[in-house]
N, C-alpha and C. Protein backbone atom coordinates (compact mmCIF):
# COMPACT_ATOMS: atom_id res chain seq x y z
N MET A 1 1.12 -1.25 -0.10
CA MET A 1 0.15 0.04 0.11
C MET A 1 0.84 1.02 -0.43
N ASP A 2 0.57 1.87 -1.06
CA ASP A 2 1.16 3.43 -1.48
C ASP A 2 0.44 4.20 -0.08
N PHE A 3 0.65 4.56 1.24
CA PHE A 3 0.53 5.36 2.13
C PHE A 3 0.04 6.78 2.02
N GLU A 4 1.03 7.18 1.04
CA GLU A 4 1.14 8.94 0.97
C GLU A 4 0.08 8.63 0.33
N GLU A 5 -0.19 8.01 -1.15
CA GLU A 5 -1.67 8.05 -2.08
C GLU A 5 -2.52 7.73 -1.57
N ALA A 6 -2.36 7.02 -0.59
CA ALA A 6 -3.94 6.38 0.23
C ALA A 6 -4.48 7.34 0.71
N TYR A 7 -4.05 8.21 1.82
CA TYR A 7 -4.13 9.39 2.51
C TYR A 7 -5.36 9.88 1.79
N GLY A 8 -4.99 10.53 0.36
CA GLY A 8 -5.26 11.12 -0.37
C GLY A 8 -7.03 10.41 -1.18
N THR A 9 -7.23 8.78 -0.98
CA THR A 9 -8.00 8.70 -1.30
C THR A 9 -9.22 8.22 -0.38
N ILE A 10 -9.07 8.53 0.89
CA ILE A 10 -9.84 8.30 1.77
C ILE A 10 -11.21 9.18 1.64
N THR A 11 -12.46 8.00 1.50
CA THR A 11 -13.39 8.89 1.76
C THR A 11 -14.44 8.90 2.90
N LEU A 12 -13.76 7.82 3.81
CA LEU A 12 -14.65 7.77 5.19
C LEU A 12 -13.93 7.49 6.09
N LEU A 13 -13.90 8.00 7.04
CA LEU A 13 -13.02 7.84 8.12
C LEU A 13 -13.87 7.71 9.53
N GLU A 14 -14.28 6.47 10.44
CA GLU A 14 -14.56 6.49 11.71
C GLU A 14 -13.65 5.96 12.34
N VAL A 15 -13.85 6.62 13.86
CA VAL A 15 -13.00 6.60 14.88
C VAL A 15 -13.61 6.24 16.12
N GLU A 16 -13.38 5.25 17.08
CA GLU A 16 -14.33 5.35 18.01
C GLU A 16 -13.65 5.17 19.38
N ILE A 17 -13.53 5.51 20.32
CA ILE A 17 -12.71 5.15 21.91
C ILE A 17 -13.77 4.76 22.72
N ARG A 18 -13.72 3.53 23.23
CA ARG A 18 -14.72 3.48 24.46
C ARG A 18 -14.34 2.75 25.81
N THR A 19 -14.85 2.45 26.30
CA THR A 19 -14.22 2.06 27.79
C THR A 19 -15.11 0.51 28.04
N PHE A 20 -14.66 -0.11 28.84
CA PHE A 20 -15.21 -1.56 29.31
C PHE A 20 -16.74 -1.20 29.93
N ALA A 21 -17.26 -0.28 30.37
CA ALA A 21 -18.48 -0.36 30.22
C ALA A 21 -19.14 0.40 28.89
N ASP A 22 -18.54 0.22 28.15
CA ASP A 22 -19.62 0.44 26.63
C ASP A 22 -19.29 2.60 26.58
N GLU A 23 -18.73 3.07 27.15
CA GLU A 23 -18.90 4.53 27.14
C GLU A 23 -17.70 5.29 26.43
N GLY A 24 -17.75 5.91 25.82
CA GLY A 24 -16.85 6.44 24.90
C GLY A 24 -17.23 8.18 24.14
N TYR A 25 -16.97 8.23 22.61
CA TYR A 25 -17.00 8.68 21.54
C TYR A 25 -16.80 7.76 20.52
N ALA A 26 -17.84 8.48 19.96
CA ALA A 26 -17.02 8.07 17.89
C ALA A 26 -17.45 9.18 17.30
N VAL A 27 -16.25 9.33 15.98
CA VAL A 27 -16.80 10.08 15.23
C VAL A 27 -16.28 9.95 13.67
N LYS A 28 -17.11 9.80 13.08
CA LYS A 28 -17.58 9.44 11.55
C LYS A 28 -17.13 10.73 10.24
N TYR A 29 -16.32 10.84 9.76
CA TYR A 29 -15.64 11.91 8.98
C TYR A 29 -16.29 11.16 7.45
N ASP A 30 -17.00 12.17 7.08
CA ASP A 30 -17.79 11.65 5.33
C ASP A 30 -16.97 12.76 4.67
N PHE A 31 -15.55 12.35 3.98
CA PHE A 31 -15.03 13.58 3.12
C PHE A 31 -16.11 13.77 1.61
N GLY A 32 -16.72 12.64 1.36
CA GLY A 32 -17.32 12.98 0.15
C GLY A 32 -18.50 14.09 0.13
N ARG A 33 -19.02 13.79 1.09
CA ARG A 33 -20.28 14.92 1.51
C ARG A 33 -19.80 15.83 2.06
N ARG A 34 -18.41 15.73 3.10
CA ARG A 34 -18.10 16.56 4.06
C ARG A 34 -18.92 16.88 4.75
N VAL A 35 -19.12 15.89 5.67
CA VAL A 35 -20.15 15.63 6.93
C VAL A 35 -19.27 15.39 8.36
N ILE A 36 -19.28 15.74 9.27
CA ILE A 36 -18.75 14.85 10.45
C ILE A 36 -20.19 14.56 11.52
N SER A 37 -19.88 13.62 11.90
CA SER A 37 -21.16 13.11 12.90
C SER A 37 -20.22 12.80 14.11
N TRP A 38 -20.65 12.86 15.12
CA TRP A 38 -20.24 12.87 16.57
C TRP A 38 -21.23 11.98 17.40
N ARG A 39 -20.69 10.60 18.16
CA ARG A 39 -21.73 10.29 18.74
C ARG A 39 -20.79 10.14 20.12
N ASP A 40 -21.74 10.60 21.45
CA ASP A 40 -21.12 11.19 22.96
C ASP A 40 -21.71 10.00 23.62
N ASN A 41 -21.41 8.67 24.28
CA ASN A 41 -21.89 7.72 25.19
C ASN A 41 -22.25 8.07 26.19
N TYR A 42 -21.60 9.22 26.86
CA TYR A 42 -20.88 9.72 28.29
C TYR A 42 -22.77 10.27 28.22
N MET A 43 -23.18 11.06 27.38
CA MET A 43 -23.96 12.20 27.55
C MET A 43 -24.85 12.06 25.68
N TRP A 44 -25.98 11.60 25.69
CA TRP A 44 -26.41 11.60 24.26
C TRP A 44 -26.92 12.81 23.79
N ASN A 45 -27.48 14.05 25.06
CA ASN A 45 -27.61 15.16 24.47
C ASN A 45 -26.30 15.93 23.48
N ASN A 46 -24.83 15.47 23.42
CA ASN A 46 -24.15 15.57 22.60
C ASN A 46 -23.55 15.68 21.75
N ASN A 47 -24.97 14.46 20.61
CA ASN A 47 -24.31 14.30 19.67
C ASN A 47 -24.71 14.92 18.59
N PHE A 48 -24.15 15.19 17.64
CA PHE A 48 -24.17 16.09 16.48
C PHE A 48 -24.08 15.73 15.01
N THR A 49 -24.41 16.11 14.29
CA THR A 49 -24.50 16.11 12.61
C THR A 49 -24.27 17.36 12.15
N LYS A 50 -22.85 17.36 11.81
CA LYS A 50 -22.71 19.06 10.65
C LYS A 50 -21.68 18.88 9.88
N SER A 51 -21.36 20.31 9.00
CA SER A 51 -20.80 20.12 7.51
C SER A 51 -19.05 20.15 7.90
N ILE A 52 -18.41 19.78 7.49
CA ILE A 52 -17.06 20.17 7.76
C ILE A 52 -16.84 21.43 7.22
N SER A 53 -16.55 22.53 7.75
CA SER A 53 -16.08 23.71 7.43
C SER A 53 -14.62 23.51 6.52
N ASP A 54 -14.53 24.58 5.22
CA ASP A 54 -13.22 24.79 4.58
C ASP A 54 -12.06 24.22 5.34
N ASP A 55 -11.77 25.47 6.17
CA ASP A 55 -10.85 25.16 6.82
C ASP A 55 -10.62 24.01 7.56
N LYS A 56 -11.80 23.45 7.98
CA LYS A 56 -11.28 22.12 8.64
C LYS A 56 -11.30 21.26 7.94
N PHE A 57 -11.42 20.91 6.98
CA PHE A 57 -11.33 20.10 5.67
C PHE A 57 -10.03 20.16 5.40
N ASN A 58 -9.49 21.30 5.17
CA ASN A 58 -7.94 21.37 4.52
C ASN A 58 -7.08 20.97 5.69
N MET A 59 -7.51 21.13 6.78
CA MET A 59 -6.42 21.06 8.01
C MET A 59 -6.84 19.02 7.94
N LEU A 60 -7.78 18.74 7.76
CA LEU A 60 -7.47 17.17 7.83
C LEU A 60 -7.08 16.58 6.60
N GLN A 61 -7.33 17.26 5.42
CA GLN A 61 -6.29 16.71 4.56
C GLN A 61 -4.60 16.82 4.43
N GLU A 62 -4.36 17.93 5.19
CA GLU A 62 -2.93 18.46 5.59
C GLU A 62 -2.38 17.54 6.91
N LYS A 63 -3.29 17.57 7.82
CA LYS A 63 -2.68 17.13 8.97
C LYS A 63 -2.36 15.54 8.68
N LEU A 64 -3.64 14.86 8.31
CA LEU A 64 -3.88 13.45 8.49
C LEU A 64 -2.81 12.40 8.17
N PRO A 65 -2.28 12.39 7.08
CA PRO A 65 -1.08 11.94 6.72
C PRO A 65 0.11 12.02 8.14
N THR A 66 -0.07 13.00 8.69
CA THR A 66 1.55 13.35 9.61
C THR A 66 0.90 12.15 11.02
N THR A 67 -0.35 11.79 11.34
CA THR A 67 -0.64 10.81 12.30
C THR A 67 -0.14 9.59 12.23
N GLY A 68 0.32 9.40 10.79
CA GLY A 68 0.74 7.90 11.23
C GLY A 68 -0.56 7.05 11.00
N MET A 69 -1.34 7.06 10.71
CA MET A 69 -2.70 6.22 11.10
C MET A 69 -3.14 5.29 9.91
N LEU A 70 -2.55 5.33 8.66
CA LEU A 70 -3.00 3.87 8.39
C LEU A 70 -1.38 3.13 8.65
N GLU A 71 -0.24 3.68 8.82
CA GLU A 71 0.93 2.95 9.03
C GLU A 71 0.45 1.60 10.08
N TRP A 72 0.29 2.61 11.17
CA TRP A 72 -0.07 2.14 12.44
C TRP A 72 -1.38 1.05 12.48
N MET A 73 -2.36 1.46 11.70
CA MET A 73 -3.37 0.43 11.33
C MET A 73 -2.75 -0.92 10.97
N LYS A 74 -2.21 -0.68 9.83
CA LYS A 74 -1.24 -1.71 9.11
C LYS A 74 -0.73 -2.36 10.32
N GLY A 75 -0.11 -1.86 10.33
CA GLY A 75 1.30 -2.54 11.60
C GLY A 75 0.41 -3.32 12.81
N TYR A 76 -0.61 -2.72 13.24
CA TYR A 76 -1.47 -3.59 14.17
C TYR A 76 -2.06 -4.86 13.47
N ASN A 77 -2.64 -4.42 12.24
CA ASN A 77 -3.09 -6.18 11.44
C ASN A 77 -2.33 -6.62 11.23
N LEU A 78 -0.77 -6.54 11.53
CA LEU A 78 0.19 -7.41 10.80
C LEU A 78 0.53 -8.06 12.59
N GLY A 79 0.11 -7.34 13.71
CA GLY A 79 0.70 -8.23 14.79
C GLY A 79 1.62 -7.40 15.39
N LEU A 80 2.15 -5.96 14.95
CA LEU A 80 3.42 -5.45 15.19
C LEU A 80 3.04 -4.38 16.65
N GLU A 81 2.29 -4.91 17.50
CA GLU A 81 1.74 -4.04 17.88
C GLU A 81 2.96 -3.18 19.27
N ASP A 82 3.84 -4.18 19.16
CA ASP A 82 5.42 -3.83 20.23
C ASP A 82 5.55 -2.59 19.49
N GLU A 83 5.84 -2.66 18.31
CA GLU A 83 6.50 -1.63 17.04
C GLU A 83 5.60 -0.17 17.25
N TYR A 84 4.46 -0.75 17.00
CA TYR A 84 3.37 0.43 16.66
C TYR A 84 2.84 1.31 18.11
N GLY A 85 2.82 0.13 19.25
CA GLY A 85 1.61 0.54 20.59
C GLY A 85 2.39 0.50 21.32
N ASP A 86 1.66 0.86 22.07
CA ASP A 86 2.09 1.07 23.83
C ASP A 86 1.14 0.62 24.76
N LYS A 87 1.47 -0.62 25.60
CA LYS A 87 0.33 -0.91 26.68
C LYS A 87 -0.07 -0.23 27.40
N THR A 88 -1.25 0.20 27.75
CA THR A 88 -1.39 1.17 28.92
C THR A 88 -2.29 0.86 29.88
N SER A 89 -2.41 1.60 31.10
CA SER A 89 -3.13 1.52 32.05
C SER A 89 -4.58 1.85 31.27
N ILE A 90 -4.88 2.44 30.68
CA ILE A 90 -6.55 2.85 30.01
C ILE A 90 -7.19 1.76 30.10
N PRO A 91 -8.36 1.55 30.80
CA PRO A 91 -9.28 0.80 30.71
C PRO A 91 -9.93 1.01 29.44
N GLY A 92 -9.19 0.89 28.11
CA GLY A 92 -10.33 1.13 27.11
C GLY A 92 -10.01 0.28 26.23
N GLU A 93 -10.65 0.91 24.95
CA GLU A 93 -10.17 0.15 23.55
C GLU A 93 -10.69 1.09 22.41
N TRP A 94 -9.49 1.08 21.10
CA TRP A 94 -9.97 1.98 19.97
C TRP A 94 -10.52 0.79 18.72
N ASN A 95 -11.04 1.53 17.98
CA ASN A 95 -11.71 1.00 16.96
C ASN A 95 -11.36 1.99 15.67
N ILE A 96 -11.01 1.83 14.42
CA ILE A 96 -10.83 2.47 13.43
C ILE A 96 -11.42 1.99 11.94
N LYS A 97 -12.14 2.57 11.31
CA LYS A 97 -12.50 1.74 10.08
C LYS A 97 -12.44 3.19 9.24
N VAL A 98 -11.60 2.91 7.74
CA VAL A 98 -11.16 3.68 6.76
C VAL A 98 -11.72 3.06 4.90
N GLU A 99 -12.49 4.00 4.93
CA GLU A 99 -12.93 3.38 3.38
C GLU A 99 -12.14 4.30 2.68
N PHE A 100 -11.85 3.42 1.14
CA PHE A 100 -11.12 4.44 0.05
C PHE A 100 -12.17 4.76 -0.85
N SER A 101 -11.52 5.74 -2.04
CA SER A 101 -12.33 5.82 -3.37
C SER A 101 -12.60 4.51 -4.27
N ASP A 102 -11.94 3.52 -3.84
CA ASP A 102 -11.70 1.82 -4.96
C ASP A 102 -12.41 0.96 -4.19
N LYS A 103 -13.38 1.52 -2.93
CA LYS A 103 -14.36 0.81 -2.21
C LYS A 103 -13.53 -0.12 -1.17
N SER A 104 -12.30 -0.29 -1.34
CA SER A 104 -11.41 -1.14 -0.55
C SER A 104 -11.56 -0.37 0.84
N SER A 105 -11.13 -1.13 2.30
CA SER A 105 -11.41 -0.48 3.56
C SER A 105 -10.41 -1.18 4.07
N LEU A 106 -10.29 -0.62 5.77
CA LEU A 106 -8.80 -0.92 6.29
C LEU A 106 -9.74 -0.43 7.76
N LYS A 107 -9.37 -1.81 8.43
CA LYS A 107 -9.97 -1.75 9.75
C LYS A 107 -8.80 -2.54 10.53
N ALA A 108 -8.78 -1.41 12.08
CA ALA A 108 -8.09 -1.92 13.15
C ALA A 108 -8.53 -1.68 14.54
N GLY A 109 -7.82 -2.30 14.99
CA GLY A 109 -8.66 -2.08 16.66
C GLY A 109 -7.68 -2.80 18.00
N ALA A 110 -7.64 -2.17 18.70
CA ALA A 110 -6.84 -3.01 20.28
C ALA A 110 -7.43 -2.35 21.53
N GLU A 111 -7.50 -3.15 22.30
CA GLU A 111 -7.77 -3.20 23.94
C GLU A 111 -6.58 -2.90 24.68
N GLN A 112 -6.44 -1.71 25.58
CA GLN A 112 -5.37 -1.30 26.26
C GLN A 112 -4.23 -1.34 25.47
N ASN A 113 -4.21 -0.94 24.33
CA ASN A 113 -2.62 -0.99 23.69
C ASN A 113 -3.11 0.03 22.44
N PHE A 114 -3.03 1.47 23.15
CA PHE A 114 -2.74 2.26 22.04
C PHE A 114 -1.88 2.56 21.29
N PRO A 115 -1.76 3.06 19.91
CA PRO A 115 -0.57 3.29 19.14
C PRO A 115 0.19 4.65 19.84
N LYS A 116 1.44 4.25 19.70
CA LYS A 116 2.57 5.42 19.97
C LYS A 116 1.96 7.00 19.82
N LYS A 117 1.43 6.93 18.46
CA LYS A 117 1.16 7.95 17.58
C LYS A 117 -0.24 8.47 17.81
N TRP A 118 -1.36 7.92 19.06
CA TRP A 118 -2.50 8.29 19.07
C TRP A 118 -3.11 9.22 19.32
N LYS A 119 -1.51 10.52 20.17
CA LYS A 119 -2.41 11.42 20.65
C LYS A 119 -2.20 12.38 19.45
N ASN A 120 -1.75 12.27 18.05
CA ASN A 120 -1.79 12.99 16.78
C ASN A 120 -3.40 13.18 16.23
N LEU A 121 -3.31 11.92 16.38
CA LEU A 121 -4.95 11.90 16.32
C LEU A 121 -5.85 12.49 16.74
N LYS A 122 -5.52 11.74 18.16
CA LYS A 122 -6.39 12.48 19.28
C LYS A 122 -6.99 14.07 18.85
N ASN A 123 -5.63 14.79 18.76
CA ASN A 123 -5.90 15.95 18.65
C ASN A 123 -5.95 16.68 17.45
N LEU A 124 -6.06 16.08 16.32
CA LEU A 124 -6.55 16.67 15.22
C LEU A 124 -8.33 16.27 15.38
N ILE A 125 -8.70 15.18 15.82
CA ILE A 125 -10.00 14.73 15.69
C ILE A 125 -10.71 16.02 16.58
N GLU A 126 -9.97 16.34 17.90
CA GLU A 126 -10.30 17.31 18.56
C GLU A 126 -10.47 18.74 17.93
N GLN A 127 -9.71 19.04 17.09
CA GLN A 127 -9.15 20.43 16.28
C GLN A 127 -10.37 20.39 15.80
N THR A 128 -10.88 19.43 14.96
CA THR A 128 -12.17 19.32 13.46
C THR A 128 -13.06 19.05 14.19
N ALA A 129 -13.25 18.64 15.31
CA ALA A 129 -14.45 18.03 15.71
C ALA A 129 -15.02 19.13 16.91
N GLY A 130 -14.55 19.46 17.79
CA GLY A 130 -14.24 20.87 18.65
C GLY A 130 -15.09 20.20 20.02
N CYS A 131 -14.77 18.90 20.03
CA CYS A 131 -15.04 18.41 21.34
C CYS A 131 -13.81 17.41 21.71
N SER A 132 -13.40 17.06 23.15
CA SER A 132 -12.73 16.18 23.99
C SER A 132 -12.95 15.09 23.25
N PHE A 133 -11.84 14.08 22.96
CA PHE A 133 -11.92 12.68 22.40
C PHE A 133 -11.16 12.01 23.27
N ILE A 134 -11.45 11.83 24.89
CA ILE A 134 -10.36 11.10 25.60
C ILE A 134 -11.71 10.62 26.63
N LEU A 135 -11.24 9.45 27.17
CA LEU A 135 -11.91 8.77 27.92
C LEU A 135 -11.75 9.18 29.30
N ARG A 136 -13.02 9.01 29.97
CA ARG A 136 -13.09 9.32 31.66
C ARG A 136 -12.85 8.48 31.99
């Protein structure tokens, strides 16, 4: 997979974090429709769907490759958690699904083993969604 090219062909990005009690957050970016959907499992009244502004869309396009997300997703799927992740005391899990313009997809996730570069993706989500994306 040519990762540099792949980032430019992402049409859908879904990122979810949750505790073992099934609390947490899910964000979905629909790049084709330029829509972001947010689900808050802590407080149902914080859910929303809204359009992605040009500034935030450009930020996503520019900064998503710097998160290394596709690279570590692939690494997790190959069983390289020690290389790409860190075992944490955080009692939770993450799941990511990416769809590309050719209709192919990539999925990855783990429990209590968050990627070393998780903070980069977390910060980008917070900047573009305007909400905290951390387990309580």
